[in-house]
Amino acid sequence: MPHDVRDQVVNYVRHWSDKTELPAGRLVRWLGIATSKFFDWRKRYGRVNEHNAWVPRDHWLTDEEKKAILDFRIEFPLEGYRQLAFMMLDRNVVPSGPAG
């Protein structure tokens, strides 16, 4: 949900909760919104939606590195993943640890 719509819902619930003296949770349930979702929105009030964005990581493998790992695995099919990781490090194939 866009952050401006989310903030409008929070404002609406606050306004009517104050005006009617009904608990915010009750109003939220009447609106058909999960109370946990609403209280999460309330904590994030005024902030843009950054949590859903795809964030590339410096330590993620590139497509070329993934291909090099798979090719190396085909070349040494009987080795375990830990041994392969150390062999690739020794041979300068891909600087990747046993976990990937």
PDB file of N, CA and C in Angstrom:
ATOM      1  N   MET A   1       0.840  -1.174   0.000  1.00  0.00           N
ATOM      2  CA  MET A   1       0.000   0.000   0.000  1.00  0.00           C
ATOM      3  C   MET A   1       0.887   1.239   0.000  1.00  0.00           C
ATOM      4  N   PRO A   2       0.556   2.231  -0.807  1.00  0.00           N
ATOM      5  CA  PRO A   2       1.355   3.464  -0.825  1.00  0.00           C
ATOM      6  C   PRO A   2       1.365   4.128   0.550  1.00  0.00           C
ATOM      7  N   HIS A   3       2.500   4.729   0.891  1.00  0.00           N
ATOM      8  CA  HIS A   3       2.640   5.293   2.238  1.00  0.00           C
ATOM      9  C   HIS A   3       1.648   6.415   2.508  1.00  0.00           C
ATOM     10  N   ASP A   4       1.271   7.193   1.504  1.00  0.00           N
ATOM     11  CA  ASP A   4       0.329   8.276   1.754  1.00  0.00           C
ATOM     12  C   ASP A   4      -1.072   7.748   2.077  1.00  0.00           C
ATOM     13  N   VAL A   5      -1.489   6.661   1.422  1.00  0.00           N
ATOM     14  CA  VAL A   5      -2.781   6.039   1.732  1.00  0.00           C
ATOM     15  C   VAL A   5      -2.730   5.428   3.128  1.00  0.00           C
ATOM     16  N   ARG A   6      -1.625   4.750   3.422  1.00  0.00           N
ATOM     17  CA  ARG A   6      -1.439   4.154   4.747  1.00  0.00           C
ATOM     18  C   ARG A   6      -1.557   5.225   5.828  1.00  0.00           C
ATOM     19  N   ASP A   7      -0.916   6.369   5.637  1.00  0.00           N
ATOM     20  CA  ASP A   7      -0.978   7.454   6.621  1.00  0.00           C
ATOM     21  C   ASP A   7      -2.378   8.037   6.736  1.00  0.00           C
ATOM     22  N   GLN A   8      -3.120   8.076   5.623  1.00  0.00           N
ATOM     23  CA  GLN A   8      -4.501   8.565   5.674  1.00  0.00           C
ATOM     24  C   GLN A   8      -5.374   7.641   6.519  1.00  0.00           C
ATOM     25  N   VAL A   9      -5.152   6.336   6.411  1.00  0.00           N
ATOM     26  CA  VAL A   9      -5.903   5.376   7.222  1.00  0.00           C
ATOM     27  C   VAL A   9      -5.573   5.589   8.697  1.00  0.00           C
ATOM     28  N   VAL A  10      -4.308   5.777   9.022  1.00  0.00           N
ATOM     29  CA  VAL A  10      -3.901   6.014  10.409  1.00  0.00           C
ATOM     30  C   VAL A  10      -4.550   7.304  10.923  1.00  0.00           C
ATOM     31  N   ASN A  11      -4.544   8.363  10.132  1.00  0.00           N
ATOM     32  CA  ASN A  11      -5.182   9.622  10.521  1.00  0.00           C
ATOM     33  C   ASN A  11      -6.674   9.442  10.754  1.00  0.00           C
ATOM     34  N   TYR A  12      -7.320   8.719   9.843  1.00  0.00           N
ATOM     35  CA  TYR A  12      -8.760   8.469   9.942  1.00  0.00           C
ATOM     36  C   TYR A  12      -9.096   7.745  11.245  1.00  0.00           C
ATOM     37  N   VAL A  13      -8.359   6.689  11.536  1.00  0.00           N
ATOM     38  CA  VAL A  13      -8.623   5.912  12.745  1.00  0.00           C
ATOM     39  C   VAL A  13      -8.355   6.757  13.990  1.00  0.00           C
ATOM     40  N   ARG A  14      -7.257   7.508  14.004  1.00  0.00           N
ATOM     41  CA  ARG A  14      -6.966   8.374  15.155  1.00  0.00           C
ATOM     42  C   ARG A  14      -8.073   9.392  15.367  1.00  0.00           C
ATOM     43  N   HIS A  15      -8.501  10.012  14.277  1.00  0.00           N
ATOM     44  CA  HIS A  15      -9.540  11.041  14.366  1.00  0.00           C
ATOM     45  C   HIS A  15     -10.822  10.471  14.969  1.00  0.00           C
ATOM     46  N   TRP A  16     -11.302   9.371  14.408  1.00  0.00           N
ATOM     47  CA  TRP A  16     -12.563   8.813  14.863  1.00  0.00           C
ATOM     48  C   TRP A  16     -12.440   8.116  16.210  1.00  0.00           C
ATOM     49  N   SER A  17     -11.282   7.623  16.532  1.00  0.00           N
ATOM     50  CA  SER A  17     -11.068   7.036  17.851  1.00  0.00           C
ATOM     51  C   SER A  17     -11.156   8.120  18.916  1.00  0.00           C
ATOM     52  N   ASP A  18     -10.542   9.274  18.649  1.00  0.00           N
ATOM     53  CA  ASP A  18     -10.626  10.395  19.596  1.00  0.00           C
ATOM     54  C   ASP A  18     -12.045  10.934  19.705  1.00  0.00           C
ATOM     55  N   LYS A  19     -12.713  11.065  18.572  1.00  0.00           N
ATOM     56  CA  LYS A  19     -14.050  11.657  18.522  1.00  0.00           C
ATOM     57  C   LYS A  19     -15.103  10.768  19.193  1.00  0.00           C
ATOM     58  N   THR A  20     -14.994   9.450  18.985  1.00  0.00           N
ATOM     59  CA  THR A  20     -16.003   8.514  19.499  1.00  0.00           C
ATOM     60  C   THR A  20     -15.587   7.828  20.787  1.00  0.00           C
ATOM     61  N   GLU A  21     -14.326   7.997  21.174  1.00  0.00           N
ATOM     62  CA  GLU A  21     -13.750   7.329  22.344  1.00  0.00           C
ATOM     63  C   GLU A  21     -13.796   5.809  22.225  1.00  0.00           C
ATOM     64  N   LEU A  22     -13.844   5.326  20.980  1.00  0.00           N
ATOM     65  CA  LEU A  22     -13.745   3.887  20.741  1.00  0.00           C
ATOM     66  C   LEU A  22     -12.273   3.528  20.603  1.00  0.00           C
ATOM     67  N   PRO A  23     -11.884   2.319  21.032  1.00  0.00           N
ATOM     68  CA  PRO A  23     -10.491   1.905  20.865  1.00  0.00           C
ATOM     69  C   PRO A  23     -10.141   1.805  19.379  1.00  0.00           C
ATOM     70  N   ALA A  24      -8.919   2.183  19.049  1.00  0.00           N
ATOM     71  CA  ALA A  24      -8.461   2.140  17.662  1.00  0.00           C
ATOM     72  C   ALA A  24      -8.566   0.731  17.094  1.00  0.00           C
ATOM     73  N   GLY A  25      -8.256  -0.273  17.917  1.00  0.00           N
ATOM     74  CA  GLY A  25      -8.323  -1.657  17.455  1.00  0.00           C
ATOM     75  C   GLY A  25      -9.699  -2.048  16.962  1.00  0.00           C
ATOM     76  N   ARG A  26     -10.744  -1.571  17.631  1.00  0.00           N
ATOM     77  CA  ARG A  26     -12.108  -1.892  17.214  1.00  0.00           C
ATOM     78  C   ARG A  26     -12.413  -1.254  15.858  1.00  0.00           C
ATOM     79  N   LEU A  27     -12.056   0.017  15.707  1.00  0.00           N
ATOM     80  CA  LEU A  27     -12.282   0.693  14.426  1.00  0.00           C
ATOM     81  C   LEU A  27     -11.530   0.002  13.300  1.00  0.00           C
ATOM     82  N   VAL A  28     -10.318  -0.409  13.579  1.00  0.00           N
ATOM     83  CA  VAL A  28      -9.502  -1.084  12.566  1.00  0.00           C
ATOM     84  C   VAL A  28     -10.153  -2.392  12.144  1.00  0.00           C
ATOM     85  N   ARG A  29     -10.652  -3.157  13.112  1.00  0.00           N
ATOM     86  CA  ARG A  29     -11.329  -4.424  12.772  1.00  0.00           C
ATOM     87  C   ARG A  29     -12.574  -4.154  11.934  1.00  0.00           C
ATOM     88  N   TRP A  30     -13.311  -3.095  12.255  1.00  0.00           N
ATOM     89  CA  TRP A  30     -14.494  -2.742  11.465  1.00  0.00           C
ATOM     90  C   TRP A  30     -14.108  -2.385  10.036  1.00  0.00           C
ATOM     91  N   LEU A  31     -12.939  -1.806   9.860  1.00  0.00           N
ATOM     92  CA  LEU A  31     -12.471  -1.461   8.512  1.00  0.00           C
ATOM     93  C   LEU A  31     -11.973  -2.686   7.747  1.00  0.00           C
ATOM     94  N   GLY A  32     -11.796  -3.800   8.448  1.00  0.00           N
ATOM     95  CA  GLY A  32     -11.332  -5.027   7.805  1.00  0.00           C
ATOM     96  C   GLY A  32      -9.824  -5.101   7.653  1.00  0.00           C
ATOM     97  N   ILE A  33      -9.115  -4.351   8.504  1.00  0.00           N
ATOM     98  CA  ILE A  33      -7.658  -4.359   8.475  1.00  0.00           C
ATOM     99  C   ILE A  33      -7.174  -5.138   9.696  1.00  0.00           C
ATOM    100  N   ALA A  34      -6.172  -5.966   9.528  1.00  0.00           N
ATOM    101  CA  ALA A  34      -5.601  -6.696  10.666  1.00  0.00           C
ATOM    102  C   ALA A  34      -5.013  -5.682  11.649  1.00  0.00           C
ATOM    103  N   THR A  35      -5.297  -5.873  12.928  1.00  0.00           N
ATOM    104  CA  THR A  35      -4.815  -4.904  13.919  1.00  0.00           C
ATOM    105  C   THR A  35      -3.295  -4.839  13.950  1.00  0.00           C
ATOM    106  N   SER A  36      -2.634  -5.975  13.764  1.00  0.00           N
ATOM    107  CA  SER A  36      -1.169  -5.958  13.764  1.00  0.00           C
ATOM    108  C   SER A  36      -0.642  -5.127  12.598  1.00  0.00           C
ATOM    109  N   LYS A  37      -1.318  -5.223  11.446  1.00  0.00           N
ATOM    110  CA  LYS A  37      -0.919  -4.434  10.274  1.00  0.00           C
ATOM    111  C   LYS A  37      -1.094  -2.946  10.561  1.00  0.00           C
ATOM    112  N   PHE A  38      -2.231  -2.578  11.171  1.00  0.00           N
ATOM    113  CA  PHE A  38      -2.480  -1.170  11.473  1.00  0.00           C
ATOM    114  C   PHE A  38      -1.431  -0.613  12.430  1.00  0.00           C
ATOM    115  N   PHE A  39      -1.122  -1.361  13.495  1.00  0.00           N
ATOM    116  CA  PHE A  39      -0.152  -0.857  14.462  1.00  0.00           C
ATOM    117  C   PHE A  39       1.252  -0.795  13.860  1.00  0.00           C
ATOM    118  N   ASP A  40       1.533  -1.647  12.887  1.00  0.00           N
ATOM    119  CA  ASP A  40       2.782  -1.542  12.139  1.00  0.00           C
ATOM    120  C   ASP A  40       2.777  -0.259  11.306  1.00  0.00           C
ATOM    121  N   TRP A  41       1.648   0.029  10.666  1.00  0.00           N
ATOM    122  CA  TRP A  41       1.514   1.268   9.895  1.00  0.00           C
ATOM    123  C   TRP A  41       1.704   2.482  10.800  1.00  0.00           C
ATOM    124  N   ARG A  42       1.147   2.402  11.990  1.00  0.00           N
ATOM    125  CA  ARG A  42       1.235   3.535  12.913  1.00  0.00           C
ATOM    126  C   ARG A  42       2.676   3.789  13.330  1.00  0.00           C
ATOM    127  N   LYS A  43       3.452   2.719  13.501  1.00  0.00           N
ATOM    128  CA  LYS A  43       4.874   2.881  13.831  1.00  0.00           C
ATOM    129  C   LYS A  43       5.642   3.510  12.677  1.00  0.00           C
ATOM    130  N   ARG A  44       5.219   3.220  11.443  1.00  0.00           N
ATOM    131  CA  ARG A  44       5.926   3.726  10.259  1.00  0.00           C
ATOM    132  C   ARG A  44       5.309   5.018   9.732  1.00  0.00           C
ATOM    133  N   TYR A  45       4.431   5.639  10.490  1.00  0.00           N
ATOM    134  CA  TYR A  45       3.715   6.840  10.055  1.00  0.00           C
ATOM    135  C   TYR A  45       4.696   7.915   9.575  1.00  0.00           C
ATOM    136  N   GLY A  46       4.419   8.486   8.411  1.00  0.00           N
ATOM    137  CA  GLY A  46       5.232   9.565   7.867  1.00  0.00           C
ATOM    138  C   GLY A  46       6.475   9.113   7.123  1.00  0.00           C
ATOM    139  N   ARG A  47       6.732   7.816   7.084  1.00  0.00           N
ATOM    140  CA  ARG A  47       7.912   7.305   6.374  1.00  0.00           C
ATOM    141  C   ARG A  47       7.492   6.610   5.090  1.00  0.00           C
ATOM    142  N   VAL A  48       8.337   6.688   4.096  1.00  0.00           N
ATOM    143  CA  VAL A  48       8.044   6.017   2.826  1.00  0.00           C
ATOM    144  C   VAL A  48       8.257   4.513   2.978  1.00  0.00           C
ATOM    145  N   ASN A  49       7.705   3.767   2.038  1.00  0.00           N
ATOM    146  CA  ASN A  49       7.838   2.310   2.042  1.00  0.00           C
ATOM    147  C   ASN A  49       9.209   1.921   1.513  1.00  0.00           C
ATOM    148  N   GLU A  50      10.151   1.702   2.383  1.00  0.00           N
ATOM    149  CA  GLU A  50      11.479   1.261   1.976  1.00  0.00           C
ATOM    150  C   GLU A  50      11.672  -0.228   2.190  1.00  0.00           C
ATOM    151  N   HIS A  51      10.836  -0.833   2.993  1.00  0.00           N
ATOM    152  CA  HIS A  51      11.025  -2.229   3.365  1.00  0.00           C
ATOM    153  C   HIS A  51      10.750  -3.207   2.230  1.00  0.00           C
ATOM    154  N   ASN A  52      10.012  -2.795   1.205  1.00  0.00           N
ATOM    155  CA  ASN A  52       9.685  -3.705   0.112  1.00  0.00           C
ATOM    156  C   ASN A  52      10.640  -3.598  -1.071  1.00  0.00           C
ATOM    157  N   ALA A  53      11.550  -2.683  -0.998  1.00  0.00           N
ATOM    158  CA  ALA A  53      12.436  -2.455  -2.141  1.00  0.00           C
ATOM    159  C   ALA A  53      13.478  -3.561  -2.260  1.00  0.00           C
ATOM    160  N   TRP A  54      13.860  -3.884  -3.478  1.00  0.00           N
ATOM    161  CA  TRP A  54      14.913  -4.857  -3.723  1.00  0.00           C
ATOM    162  C   TRP A  54      16.237  -4.147  -3.490  1.00  0.00           C
ATOM    163  N   VAL A  55      17.019  -4.689  -2.601  1.00  0.00           N
ATOM    164  CA  VAL A  55      18.289  -4.061  -2.249  1.00  0.00           C
ATOM    165  C   VAL A  55      19.415  -5.010  -2.643  1.00  0.00           C
ATOM    166  N   PRO A  56      20.202  -4.649  -3.656  1.00  0.00           N
ATOM    167  CA  PRO A  56      21.318  -5.521  -4.016  1.00  0.00           C
ATOM    168  C   PRO A  56      22.373  -5.512  -2.915  1.00  0.00           C
ATOM    169  N   ARG A  57      22.953  -6.641  -2.679  1.00  0.00           N
ATOM    170  CA  ARG A  57      23.970  -6.769  -1.635  1.00  0.00           C
ATOM    171  C   ARG A  57      25.335  -6.942  -2.289  1.00  0.00           C
ATOM    172  N   ASP A  58      26.338  -6.346  -1.665  1.00  0.00           N
ATOM    173  CA  ASP A  58      27.700  -6.439  -2.197  1.00  0.00           C
ATOM    174  C   ASP A  58      28.209  -7.875  -2.199  1.00  0.00           C
ATOM    175  N   HIS A  59      27.722  -8.700  -1.274  1.00  0.00           N
ATOM    176  CA  HIS A  59      28.245 -10.057  -1.147  1.00  0.00           C
ATOM    177  C   HIS A  59      27.473 -11.073  -1.983  1.00  0.00           C
ATOM    178  N   TRP A  60      26.421 -10.662  -2.696  1.00  0.00           N
ATOM    179  CA  TRP A  60      25.688 -11.591  -3.537  1.00  0.00           C
ATOM    180  C   TRP A  60      26.533 -11.952  -4.756  1.00  0.00           C
ATOM    181  N   LEU A  61      26.350 -13.176  -5.236  1.00  0.00           N
ATOM    182  CA  LEU A  61      27.104 -13.641  -6.395  1.00  0.00           C
ATOM    183  C   LEU A  61      26.510 -13.091  -7.688  1.00  0.00           C
ATOM    184  N   THR A  62      27.375 -12.755  -8.610  1.00  0.00           N
ATOM    185  CA  THR A  62      26.919 -12.325  -9.929  1.00  0.00           C
ATOM    186  C   THR A  62      26.540 -13.556 -10.743  1.00  0.00           C
ATOM    187  N   ASP A  63      25.887 -13.329 -11.879  1.00  0.00           N
ATOM    188  CA  ASP A  63      25.510 -14.449 -12.749  1.00  0.00           C
ATOM    189  C   ASP A  63      26.744 -15.190 -13.256  1.00  0.00           C
ATOM    190  N   GLU A  64      27.813 -14.445 -13.541  1.00  0.00           N
ATOM    191  CA  GLU A  64      29.051 -15.072 -14.026  1.00  0.00           C
ATOM    192  C   GLU A  64      29.674 -15.949 -12.930  1.00  0.00           C
ATOM    193  N   GLU A  65      29.640 -15.465 -11.701  1.00  0.00           N
ATOM    194  CA  GLU A  65      30.196 -16.248 -10.590  1.00  0.00           C
ATOM    195  C   GLU A  65      29.378 -17.521 -10.358  1.00  0.00           C
ATOM    196  N   LYS A  66      28.059 -17.400 -10.443  1.00  0.00           N
ATOM    197  CA  LYS A  66      27.204 -18.583 -10.286  1.00  0.00           C
ATOM    198  C   LYS A  66      27.512 -19.617 -11.360  1.00  0.00           C
ATOM    199  N   LYS A  67      27.683 -19.145 -12.597  1.00  0.00           N
ATOM    200  CA  LYS A  67      28.009 -20.059 -13.701  1.00  0.00           C
ATOM    201  C   LYS A  67      29.362 -20.726 -13.462  1.00  0.00           C
ATOM    202  N   ALA A  68      30.349 -19.966 -12.974  1.00  0.00           N
ATOM    203  CA  ALA A  68      31.677 -20.531 -12.697  1.00  0.00           C
ATOM    204  C   ALA A  68      31.588 -21.609 -11.618  1.00  0.00           C
ATOM    205  N   ILE A  69      30.762 -21.387 -10.611  1.00  0.00           N
ATOM    206  CA  ILE A  69      30.587 -22.378  -9.539  1.00  0.00           C
ATOM    207  C   ILE A  69      29.957 -23.649 -10.101  1.00  0.00           C
ATOM    208  N   LEU A  70      28.912 -23.488 -10.899  1.00  0.00           N
ATOM    209  CA  LEU A  70      28.244 -24.662 -11.480  1.00  0.00           C
ATOM    210  C   LEU A  70      29.174 -25.429 -12.418  1.00  0.00           C
ATOM    211  N   ASP A  71      29.937 -24.699 -13.211  1.00  0.00           N
ATOM    212  CA  ASP A  71      30.902 -25.358 -14.107  1.00  0.00           C
ATOM    213  C   ASP A  71      31.961 -26.110 -13.307  1.00  0.00           C
ATOM    214  N   PHE A  72      32.428 -25.513 -12.213  1.00  0.00           N
ATOM    215  CA  PHE A  72      33.432 -26.160 -11.368  1.00  0.00           C
ATOM    216  C   PHE A  72      32.848 -27.419 -10.737  1.00  0.00           C
ATOM    217  N   ARG A  73      31.589 -27.364 -10.343  1.00  0.00           N
ATOM    218  CA  ARG A  73      30.915 -28.527  -9.743  1.00  0.00           C
ATOM    219  C   ARG A  73      30.822 -29.659 -10.751  1.00  0.00           C
ATOM    220  N   ILE A  74      30.553 -29.333 -11.991  1.00  0.00           N
ATOM    221  CA  ILE A  74      30.471 -30.361 -13.044  1.00  0.00           C
ATOM    222  C   ILE A  74      31.842 -31.002 -13.253  1.00  0.00           C
ATOM    223  N   GLU A  75      32.895 -30.200 -13.132  1.00  0.00           N
ATOM    224  CA  GLU A  75      34.254 -30.710 -13.322  1.00  0.00           C
ATOM    225  C   GLU A  75      34.679 -31.645 -12.187  1.00  0.00           C
ATOM    226  N   PHE A  76      34.162 -31.410 -10.979  1.00  0.00           N
ATOM    227  CA  PHE A  76      34.515 -32.229  -9.807  1.00  0.00           C
ATOM    228  C   PHE A  76      33.240 -32.733  -9.129  1.00  0.00           C
ATOM    229  N   PRO A  77      32.539 -33.683  -9.762  1.00  0.00           N
ATOM    230  CA  PRO A  77      31.222 -34.107  -9.258  1.00  0.00           C
ATOM    231  C   PRO A  77      31.263 -34.904  -7.955  1.00  0.00           C
ATOM    232  N   LEU A  78      32.396 -35.464  -7.598  1.00  0.00           N
ATOM    233  CA  LEU A  78      32.450 -36.309  -6.406  1.00  0.00           C
ATOM    234  C   LEU A  78      32.831 -35.552  -5.136  1.00  0.00           C
ATOM    235  N   GLU A  79      33.174 -34.284  -5.257  1.00  0.00           N
ATOM    236  CA  GLU A  79      33.584 -33.497  -4.097  1.00  0.00           C
ATOM    237  C   GLU A  79      32.361 -32.905  -3.399  1.00  0.00           C
ATOM    238  N   GLY A  80      32.458 -32.759  -2.090  1.00  0.00           N
ATOM    239  CA  GLY A  80      31.393 -32.120  -1.311  1.00  0.00           C
ATOM    240  C   GLY A  80      31.461 -30.603  -1.451  1.00  0.00           C
ATOM    241  N   TYR A  81      30.401 -29.945  -0.980  1.00  0.00           N
ATOM    242  CA  TYR A  81      30.338 -28.498  -1.181  1.00  0.00           C
ATOM    243  C   TYR A  81      31.431 -27.747  -0.434  1.00  0.00           C
ATOM    244  N   ARG A  82      31.800 -28.220   0.747  1.00  0.00           N
ATOM    245  CA  ARG A  82      32.878 -27.549   1.492  1.00  0.00           C
ATOM    246  C   ARG A  82      34.219 -27.684   0.768  1.00  0.00           C
ATOM    247  N   GLN A  83      34.490 -28.894   0.333  1.00  0.00           N
ATOM    248  CA  GLN A  83      35.742 -29.129  -0.385  1.00  0.00           C
ATOM    249  C   GLN A  83      35.787 -28.305  -1.675  1.00  0.00           C
ATOM    250  N   LEU A  84      34.650 -28.256  -2.380  1.00  0.00           N
ATOM    251  CA  LEU A  84      34.588 -27.460  -3.604  1.00  0.00           C
ATOM    252  C   LEU A  84      34.853 -25.980  -3.310  1.00  0.00           C
ATOM    253  N   ALA A  85      34.294 -25.479  -2.225  1.00  0.00           N
ATOM    254  CA  ALA A  85      34.492 -24.069  -1.873  1.00  0.00           C
ATOM    255  C   ALA A  85      35.974 -23.775  -1.659  1.00  0.00           C
ATOM    256  N   PHE A  86      36.656 -24.641  -0.929  1.00  0.00           N
ATOM    257  CA  PHE A  86      38.086 -24.423  -0.680  1.00  0.00           C
ATOM    258  C   PHE A  86      38.923 -24.617  -1.948  1.00  0.00           C
ATOM    259  N   MET A  87      38.529 -25.570  -2.782  1.00  0.00           N
ATOM    260  CA  MET A  87      39.236 -25.768  -4.046  1.00  0.00           C
ATOM    261  C   MET A  87      39.091 -24.534  -4.948  1.00  0.00           C
ATOM    262  N   MET A  88      37.886 -23.959  -4.975  1.00  0.00           N
ATOM    263  CA  MET A  88      37.670 -22.761  -5.800  1.00  0.00           C
ATOM    264  C   MET A  88      38.479 -21.588  -5.268  1.00  0.00           C
ATOM    265  N   LEU A  89      38.582 -21.478  -3.955  1.00  0.00           N
ATOM    266  CA  LEU A  89      39.399 -20.407  -3.372  1.00  0.00           C
ATOM    267  C   LEU A  89      40.865 -20.600  -3.736  1.00  0.00           C
ATOM    268  N   ASP A  90      41.348 -21.851  -3.602  1.00  0.00           N
ATOM    269  CA  ASP A  90      42.756 -22.145  -3.926  1.00  0.00           C
ATOM    270  C   ASP A  90      43.079 -21.860  -5.385  1.00  0.00           C
ATOM    271  N   ARG A  91      42.108 -22.100  -6.262  1.00  0.00           N
ATOM    272  CA  ARG A  91      42.340 -21.944  -7.701  1.00  0.00           C
ATOM    273  C   ARG A  91      41.859 -20.584  -8.228  1.00  0.00           C
ATOM    274  N   ASN A  92      41.433 -19.724  -7.341  1.00  0.00           N
ATOM    275  CA  ASN A  92      40.979 -18.385  -7.718  1.00  0.00           C
ATOM    276  C   ASN A  92      39.790 -18.413  -8.680  1.00  0.00           C
ATOM    277  N   VAL A  93      38.883 -19.365  -8.500  1.00  0.00           N
ATOM    278  CA  VAL A  93      37.709 -19.456  -9.379  1.00  0.00           C
ATOM    279  C   VAL A  93      36.690 -18.409  -8.969  1.00  0.00           C
ATOM    280  N   VAL A  94      36.187 -18.544  -7.742  1.00  0.00           N
ATOM    281  CA  VAL A  94      35.211 -17.597  -7.188  1.00  0.00           C
ATOM    282  C   VAL A  94      35.473 -17.489  -5.693  1.00  0.00           C
ATOM    283  N   PRO A  95      35.613 -16.278  -5.179  1.00  0.00           N
ATOM    284  CA  PRO A  95      35.822 -16.129  -3.734  1.00  0.00           C
ATOM    285  C   PRO A  95      34.501 -16.295  -2.982  1.00  0.00           C
ATOM    286  N   SER A  96      34.087 -17.527  -2.774  1.00  0.00           N
ATOM    287  CA  SER A  96      32.829 -17.816  -2.109  1.00  0.00           C
ATOM    288  C   SER A  96      33.069 -18.826  -1.009  1.00  0.00           C
ATOM    289  N   GLY A  97      32.369 -18.646   0.104  1.00  0.00           N
ATOM    290  CA  GLY A  97      32.503 -19.594   1.211  1.00  0.00           C
ATOM    291  C   GLY A  97      31.600 -20.791   1.004  1.00  0.00           C
ATOM    292  N   PRO A  98      31.675 -21.791   1.909  1.00  0.00           N
ATOM    293  CA  PRO A  98      30.877 -23.005   1.771  1.00  0.00           C
ATOM    294  C   PRO A  98      29.373 -22.749   1.776  1.00  0.00           C
ATOM    295  N   ALA A  99      28.926 -21.646   2.405  1.00  0.00           N
ATOM    296  CA  ALA A  99      27.485 -21.387   2.467  1.00  0.00           C
ATOM    297  C   ALA A  99      26.969 -20.731   1.204  1.00  0.00           C
ATOM    298  N   GLY A 100      27.799 -20.347   0.287  1.00  0.00           N
ATOM    299  CA  GLY A 100      27.277 -19.799  -0.955  1.00  0.00           C
ATOM    300  C   GLY A 100      27.791 -18.443  -1.201  1.00  0.00           C
TER     301      GLY A 100
END
